[in-house]
C-alpha cells in the first residue's frame, strides 16, 4: 500500500496548508473541524539541499542528504534525498517511506528520488 502526504484544506476559504495547524493561515478560522484532509502533489523541484556527514547514530548511512522541495501544487516540504548527485532545480518525485526505526517505533517521512 502506497502512503501519501496530506495537507489540510480550510472549509471556509479553501486554502490548503501543510503541516497541520489549528488555525487557517489565510482566513484565521480556528475550528479544527473546519479542515478537509487532501493529498499533496508528489512531484516537484529541488530548491536547496544539504549533506550531513555526521548523521544521528541510529542512521546507518555515510551521510544523510536532506532537501527542501517545492511541490507542483506550490507547497514546500523537507525530506530525505535518495539522489547520488543532487542539483538545485532538478525534478524530483517523493514517496512516504520508513526512514528509521528503533526497538519500539517506526518513523516515516518523505523521501525524494530523481524524476
N, C-alpha and C. Protein backbone atom coordinates (compact mmCIF):
# COMPACT_ATOMS: atom_id res chain seq x y z
N UNK A 1 0.84 -1.19 0.00
CA UNK A 1 0.00 0.00 0.00
C UNK A 1 0.88 1.25 0.00
N UNK A 2 0.65 2.12 -0.95
CA UNK A 2 1.41 3.36 -1.04
C UNK A 2 0.80 4.40 -0.12
N UNK A 3 1.66 5.09 0.63
CA UNK A 3 1.19 6.14 1.54
C UNK A 3 1.34 7.49 0.86
N UNK A 4 0.51 8.44 1.26
CA UNK A 4 0.56 9.80 0.72
C UNK A 4 0.90 10.78 1.83
N UNK A 5 1.30 11.97 1.42
CA UNK A 5 1.47 13.08 2.35
C UNK A 5 0.23 13.96 2.17
N UNK A 6 -0.31 14.46 3.25
CA UNK A 6 -1.58 15.18 3.20
C UNK A 6 -1.46 16.61 3.68
N UNK A 7 -2.27 17.47 3.08
CA UNK A 7 -2.43 18.84 3.52
C UNK A 7 -3.81 19.01 4.12
N UNK A 8 -4.09 20.19 4.59
CA UNK A 8 -5.34 20.46 5.29
C UNK A 8 -6.01 21.66 4.64
N UNK A 9 -7.19 21.40 4.03
CA UNK A 9 -7.91 22.42 3.27
C UNK A 9 -8.99 23.04 4.14
N UNK A 10 -8.91 24.35 4.30
CA UNK A 10 -9.89 25.09 5.09
C UNK A 10 -11.24 25.06 4.39
N UNK A 11 -12.28 24.65 5.11
CA UNK A 11 -13.62 24.60 4.53
C UNK A 11 -14.19 26.00 4.31
N UNK A 12 -13.65 26.97 5.02
CA UNK A 12 -14.16 28.33 4.92
C UNK A 12 -13.62 29.06 3.69
N UNK A 13 -12.29 29.00 3.46
CA UNK A 13 -11.71 29.78 2.37
C UNK A 13 -11.05 28.94 1.28
N UNK A 14 -10.86 27.63 1.52
CA UNK A 14 -10.26 26.76 0.52
C UNK A 14 -8.75 26.70 0.52
N UNK A 15 -8.10 27.45 1.40
CA UNK A 15 -6.63 27.45 1.48
C UNK A 15 -6.13 26.09 1.97
N UNK A 16 -5.10 25.55 1.30
CA UNK A 16 -4.50 24.28 1.71
C UNK A 16 -3.18 24.58 2.38
N UNK A 17 -2.99 24.02 3.58
CA UNK A 17 -1.74 24.25 4.31
C UNK A 17 -1.13 22.95 4.77
N UNK A 18 0.18 22.98 4.91
CA UNK A 18 0.96 21.85 5.42
C UNK A 18 2.14 22.44 6.15
N UNK A 19 2.47 21.96 7.32
CA UNK A 19 1.82 20.90 8.08
C UNK A 19 0.56 21.41 8.76
N UNK A 20 -0.08 20.53 9.54
CA UNK A 20 -1.33 20.86 10.21
C UNK A 20 -1.13 22.00 11.20
N UNK A 21 -2.05 22.93 11.18
CA UNK A 21 -2.12 24.00 12.18
C UNK A 21 -3.58 24.09 12.61
N UNK A 22 -3.81 24.49 13.84
CA UNK A 22 -5.19 24.57 14.32
C UNK A 22 -5.91 25.80 13.78
N UNK A 23 -5.18 26.75 13.22
CA UNK A 23 -5.76 27.98 12.67
C UNK A 23 -5.38 28.08 11.20
N UNK A 24 -6.32 28.44 10.35
CA UNK A 24 -6.03 28.64 8.94
C UNK A 24 -5.10 29.84 8.78
N UNK A 25 -4.02 29.66 8.04
CA UNK A 25 -3.05 30.74 7.82
C UNK A 25 -3.61 31.86 6.94
N UNK A 26 -4.69 31.58 6.22
CA UNK A 26 -5.25 32.55 5.29
C UNK A 26 -6.39 33.36 5.92
N UNK A 27 -7.43 32.68 6.43
CA UNK A 27 -8.61 33.39 6.95
C UNK A 27 -8.69 33.36 8.47
N UNK A 28 -7.77 32.66 9.11
CA UNK A 28 -7.66 32.58 10.57
C UNK A 28 -8.81 31.83 11.24
N UNK A 29 -9.50 30.98 10.47
CA UNK A 29 -10.51 30.08 11.05
C UNK A 29 -9.81 29.21 12.09
N UNK A 30 -10.41 29.08 13.27
CA UNK A 30 -9.72 28.33 14.33
C UNK A 30 -10.50 27.11 14.83
N UNK A 31 -11.43 26.63 14.05
CA UNK A 31 -12.17 25.41 14.42
C UNK A 31 -11.49 24.23 13.73
N UNK A 32 -10.86 23.36 14.51
CA UNK A 32 -10.10 22.25 13.92
C UNK A 32 -10.97 21.29 13.11
N UNK A 33 -12.28 21.38 13.27
CA UNK A 33 -13.19 20.54 12.49
C UNK A 33 -13.49 21.14 11.12
N UNK A 34 -12.94 22.30 10.85
CA UNK A 34 -13.22 23.01 9.60
C UNK A 34 -12.15 22.78 8.53
N UNK A 35 -11.46 21.64 8.59
CA UNK A 35 -10.44 21.31 7.60
C UNK A 35 -10.73 19.95 6.97
N UNK A 36 -10.58 19.87 5.66
CA UNK A 36 -10.63 18.59 4.96
C UNK A 36 -9.20 18.14 4.73
N UNK A 37 -8.97 16.85 4.80
CA UNK A 37 -7.64 16.29 4.55
C UNK A 37 -7.56 15.98 3.05
N UNK A 38 -6.54 16.54 2.39
CA UNK A 38 -6.37 16.36 0.94
C UNK A 38 -4.94 15.92 0.64
N UNK A 39 -4.75 15.03 -0.35
CA UNK A 39 -3.38 14.61 -0.70
C UNK A 39 -2.63 15.75 -1.38
N UNK A 40 -1.34 15.85 -1.09
CA UNK A 40 -0.48 16.84 -1.75
C UNK A 40 0.19 16.20 -2.95
N UNK A 41 0.72 17.03 -3.83
CA UNK A 41 1.44 16.55 -5.01
C UNK A 41 2.68 15.77 -4.57
N UNK A 42 3.15 14.86 -5.41
CA UNK A 42 4.34 14.07 -5.11
C UNK A 42 5.55 14.54 -5.90
N UNK A 43 5.32 15.27 -6.98
CA UNK A 43 6.41 15.72 -7.83
C UNK A 43 6.71 17.19 -7.58
N UNK A 44 7.97 17.56 -7.81
CA UNK A 44 8.36 18.95 -7.63
C UNK A 44 9.78 19.18 -8.07
N UNK A 45 10.35 20.32 -7.61
CA UNK A 45 11.74 20.62 -7.94
C UNK A 45 12.50 20.91 -6.66
N UNK A 46 13.76 20.53 -6.67
CA UNK A 46 14.64 20.69 -5.52
C UNK A 46 15.07 22.15 -5.42
N UNK A 47 14.73 22.80 -4.29
CA UNK A 47 15.10 24.20 -4.09
C UNK A 47 16.48 24.35 -3.47
N UNK A 48 16.79 23.49 -2.49
CA UNK A 48 18.09 23.53 -1.83
C UNK A 48 18.30 22.19 -1.12
N UNK A 49 19.54 21.92 -0.75
CA UNK A 49 19.83 20.66 -0.06
C UNK A 49 21.09 20.81 0.77
N UNK A 50 21.28 19.86 1.67
CA UNK A 50 22.50 19.78 2.46
C UNK A 50 22.84 18.31 2.68
N UNK A 51 24.11 18.05 2.86
CA UNK A 51 24.60 16.70 3.14
C UNK A 51 25.16 16.68 4.55
N UNK A 52 24.61 15.83 5.41
CA UNK A 52 25.08 15.70 6.79
C UNK A 52 26.02 14.51 6.87
N UNK A 53 27.29 14.79 7.09
CA UNK A 53 28.28 13.71 7.15
C UNK A 53 28.42 13.12 8.54
N UNK A 54 27.69 13.64 9.49
CA UNK A 54 27.69 13.10 10.85
C UNK A 54 26.23 12.91 11.29
N UNK A 55 25.50 11.98 10.63
CA UNK A 55 24.08 11.80 10.96
C UNK A 55 23.91 11.18 12.35
N UNK A 56 22.70 11.24 12.90
CA UNK A 56 22.45 10.61 14.20
C UNK A 56 22.87 9.14 14.19
N UNK A 57 23.20 8.62 15.35
CA UNK A 57 23.78 7.28 15.48
C UNK A 57 22.89 6.17 14.92
N UNK A 58 21.57 6.34 14.99
CA UNK A 58 20.70 5.26 14.52
C UNK A 58 20.50 5.25 13.00
N UNK A 59 21.15 6.14 12.28
CA UNK A 59 21.13 6.11 10.82
C UNK A 59 22.37 5.37 10.34
N UNK A 60 22.16 4.32 9.58
CA UNK A 60 23.28 3.51 9.10
C UNK A 60 23.73 4.01 7.72
N UNK A 61 24.07 5.29 7.64
CA UNK A 61 24.46 5.91 6.38
C UNK A 61 25.80 6.61 6.54
N UNK A 62 26.54 6.72 5.44
CA UNK A 62 27.78 7.50 5.45
C UNK A 62 27.42 8.98 5.60
N UNK A 63 26.40 9.41 4.89
CA UNK A 63 25.88 10.77 5.04
C UNK A 63 24.37 10.74 4.83
N UNK A 64 23.72 11.76 5.31
CA UNK A 64 22.28 11.91 5.18
C UNK A 64 22.02 13.14 4.33
N UNK A 65 21.35 12.97 3.20
CA UNK A 65 21.02 14.08 2.32
C UNK A 65 19.60 14.55 2.62
N UNK A 66 19.45 15.83 2.89
CA UNK A 66 18.15 16.44 3.16
C UNK A 66 17.92 17.57 2.18
N UNK A 67 16.68 17.74 1.74
CA UNK A 67 16.38 18.81 0.80
C UNK A 67 15.05 19.46 1.06
N UNK A 68 14.89 20.65 0.52
CA UNK A 68 13.60 21.34 0.51
C UNK A 68 13.11 21.32 -0.93
N UNK A 69 11.90 20.81 -1.11
CA UNK A 69 11.32 20.63 -2.44
C UNK A 69 10.06 21.47 -2.54
N UNK A 70 9.92 22.19 -3.66
CA UNK A 70 8.67 22.87 -3.96
C UNK A 70 7.84 21.94 -4.82
N UNK A 71 6.71 21.49 -4.27
CA UNK A 71 5.83 20.57 -4.98
C UNK A 71 5.09 21.28 -6.10
N UNK A 72 4.54 20.52 -7.03
CA UNK A 72 3.81 21.09 -8.16
C UNK A 72 2.63 21.95 -7.72
N UNK A 73 2.08 21.67 -6.54
CA UNK A 73 0.95 22.46 -6.05
C UNK A 73 1.40 23.68 -5.25
N UNK A 74 2.72 23.96 -5.21
CA UNK A 74 3.25 25.15 -4.56
C UNK A 74 3.71 24.98 -3.13
N UNK A 75 3.37 23.88 -2.50
CA UNK A 75 3.80 23.65 -1.12
C UNK A 75 5.27 23.30 -1.09
N UNK A 76 5.93 23.69 -0.01
CA UNK A 76 7.34 23.35 0.19
C UNK A 76 7.44 22.36 1.33
N UNK A 77 8.26 21.34 1.13
CA UNK A 77 8.35 20.27 2.11
C UNK A 77 9.80 19.80 2.22
N UNK A 78 10.19 19.44 3.42
CA UNK A 78 11.54 18.93 3.67
C UNK A 78 11.49 17.41 3.67
N UNK A 79 12.52 16.80 3.12
CA UNK A 79 12.59 15.34 3.11
C UNK A 79 13.98 14.84 2.83
N UNK A 80 14.15 13.54 2.99
CA UNK A 80 15.43 12.92 2.67
C UNK A 80 15.57 12.78 1.16
N UNK A 81 16.80 12.83 0.68
CA UNK A 81 17.08 12.68 -0.74
C UNK A 81 17.79 11.35 -0.99
N UNK A 82 17.28 10.56 -1.89
CA UNK A 82 17.94 9.34 -2.35
C UNK A 82 18.42 9.60 -3.77
N UNK A 83 19.32 10.56 -3.89
CA UNK A 83 19.84 11.01 -5.18
C UNK A 83 21.35 11.07 -5.06
N UNK A 84 22.06 10.44 -5.98
CA UNK A 84 23.53 10.39 -5.88
C UNK A 84 24.17 11.76 -6.01
N UNK A 85 23.72 12.56 -6.97
CA UNK A 85 24.27 13.89 -7.16
C UNK A 85 23.14 14.91 -7.24
N UNK A 86 22.66 15.38 -6.07
CA UNK A 86 21.58 16.36 -6.09
C UNK A 86 22.02 17.66 -6.75
N UNK A 87 21.07 18.32 -7.40
CA UNK A 87 21.35 19.57 -8.09
C UNK A 87 20.13 20.48 -7.91
N UNK A 88 20.37 21.70 -7.47
CA UNK A 88 19.28 22.66 -7.28
C UNK A 88 18.54 22.83 -8.61
N UNK A 89 17.22 22.76 -8.56
CA UNK A 89 16.38 22.91 -9.74
C UNK A 89 15.98 21.61 -10.40
N UNK A 90 16.60 20.50 -9.99
CA UNK A 90 16.27 19.22 -10.63
C UNK A 90 14.86 18.77 -10.25
N UNK A 91 14.23 18.01 -11.15
CA UNK A 91 12.90 17.47 -10.90
C UNK A 91 13.03 16.23 -10.03
N UNK A 92 12.14 16.14 -9.04
CA UNK A 92 12.15 15.02 -8.11
C UNK A 92 10.73 14.50 -7.92
N UNK A 93 10.64 13.28 -7.44
CA UNK A 93 9.35 12.69 -7.08
C UNK A 93 9.48 12.12 -5.68
N UNK A 94 8.44 12.27 -4.88
CA UNK A 94 8.51 11.87 -3.48
C UNK A 94 7.61 10.71 -3.13
N UNK A 95 8.03 9.98 -2.10
CA UNK A 95 7.25 8.88 -1.54
C UNK A 95 7.35 8.95 -0.03
N UNK A 96 6.30 8.55 0.65
CA UNK A 96 6.35 8.40 2.10
C UNK A 96 6.92 7.01 2.37
N UNK A 97 8.03 6.96 3.10
CA UNK A 97 8.71 5.69 3.36
C UNK A 97 9.20 5.63 4.79
N UNK A 98 9.53 4.43 5.22
CA UNK A 98 10.16 4.23 6.51
C UNK A 98 11.56 4.84 6.44
N UNK A 99 11.86 5.80 7.33
CA UNK A 99 13.17 6.45 7.31
C UNK A 99 14.08 5.96 8.42
N UNK A 100 13.50 5.44 9.49
CA UNK A 100 14.30 4.79 10.53
C UNK A 100 13.36 4.08 11.49
N UNK A 101 13.93 3.19 12.28
CA UNK A 101 13.14 2.50 13.31
C UNK A 101 14.05 2.22 14.49
N UNK A 102 13.42 2.09 15.63
CA UNK A 102 14.16 1.70 16.83
C UNK A 102 13.46 0.48 17.41
N UNK A 103 13.79 0.15 18.61
CA UNK A 103 13.25 -1.06 19.23
C UNK A 103 11.72 -1.06 19.31
N UNK A 104 11.13 0.12 19.47
CA UNK A 104 9.69 0.21 19.72
C UNK A 104 8.89 0.91 18.63
N UNK A 105 9.53 1.73 17.81
CA UNK A 105 8.79 2.58 16.89
C UNK A 105 9.34 2.51 15.47
N UNK A 106 8.46 2.84 14.53
CA UNK A 106 8.84 3.04 13.14
C UNK A 106 8.55 4.49 12.80
N UNK A 107 9.47 5.13 12.08
CA UNK A 107 9.34 6.54 11.74
C UNK A 107 9.27 6.68 10.22
N UNK A 108 8.21 7.33 9.75
CA UNK A 108 8.00 7.52 8.32
C UNK A 108 8.22 8.98 7.96
N UNK A 109 8.70 9.21 6.75
CA UNK A 109 8.92 10.57 6.28
C UNK A 109 8.94 10.61 4.77
N UNK A 110 9.07 11.80 4.24
CA UNK A 110 9.11 11.99 2.80
C UNK A 110 10.52 11.71 2.30
N UNK A 111 10.63 10.90 1.26
CA UNK A 111 11.91 10.58 0.63
C UNK A 111 11.77 10.93 -0.85
N UNK A 112 12.73 11.71 -1.36
CA UNK A 112 12.67 12.16 -2.75
C UNK A 112 13.71 11.44 -3.60
N UNK A 113 13.29 11.14 -4.84
CA UNK A 113 14.12 10.47 -5.84
C UNK A 113 14.15 11.34 -7.09
N UNK A 114 15.19 11.16 -7.91
CA UNK A 114 15.26 11.88 -9.17
C UNK A 114 14.10 11.44 -10.06
N UNK A 115 13.41 12.41 -10.66
CA UNK A 115 12.23 12.10 -11.50
C UNK A 115 12.66 11.62 -12.88
